[in-house]
Protein backbone atom coordinates (compact mmCIF):
# COMPACT_ATOMS: atom_id res chain seq x y z
CA MET A 1 22.71 -25.25 117.33
CA SER A 2 19.10 -24.23 116.73
CA TRP A 3 20.18 -22.24 113.68
CA ILE A 4 20.76 -25.45 111.69
CA SER A 5 17.34 -26.80 112.53
CA PRO A 6 14.36 -25.52 110.50
CA VAL A 7 11.89 -26.75 113.12
CA PRO A 8 11.12 -25.05 116.44
CA LEU A 9 12.65 -26.44 119.62
CA THR A 10 9.20 -27.40 120.82
CA ASP A 11 8.79 -29.72 117.85
CA LEU A 12 12.31 -31.11 118.14
CA PRO A 13 11.36 -34.27 120.12
CA HIS A 14 8.80 -35.21 117.50
CA THR A 15 11.27 -34.56 114.71
CA VAL A 16 13.94 -36.68 116.38
CA LEU A 17 11.44 -39.46 116.96
CA SER A 18 10.29 -39.35 113.35
CA LEU A 19 13.86 -39.30 112.07
CA THR A 20 14.85 -42.18 114.31
CA HIS A 21 11.85 -44.17 113.15
CA THR A 22 12.72 -43.52 109.52
CA LEU A 23 16.35 -44.52 109.99
CA THR A 24 15.34 -47.63 111.89
CA PHE A 25 12.90 -48.59 109.14
CA LYS A 26 15.52 -48.10 106.44
CA PHE A 27 18.11 -50.00 108.44
CA CYS A 28 15.75 -52.94 108.97
CA PHE A 29 14.70 -52.84 105.34
CA ILE A 30 18.32 -52.92 104.14
CA SER A 31 19.32 -55.56 106.68
CA HIS A 32 16.61 -57.88 105.44
């Protein structure tokens, strides 16, 4: 499934963390 990801596998954890943080921020922002 690495073909769908533009980032290297080594940077995947950081990308996931950043994405999760963004989604959490948006979710909290919309909830409030």
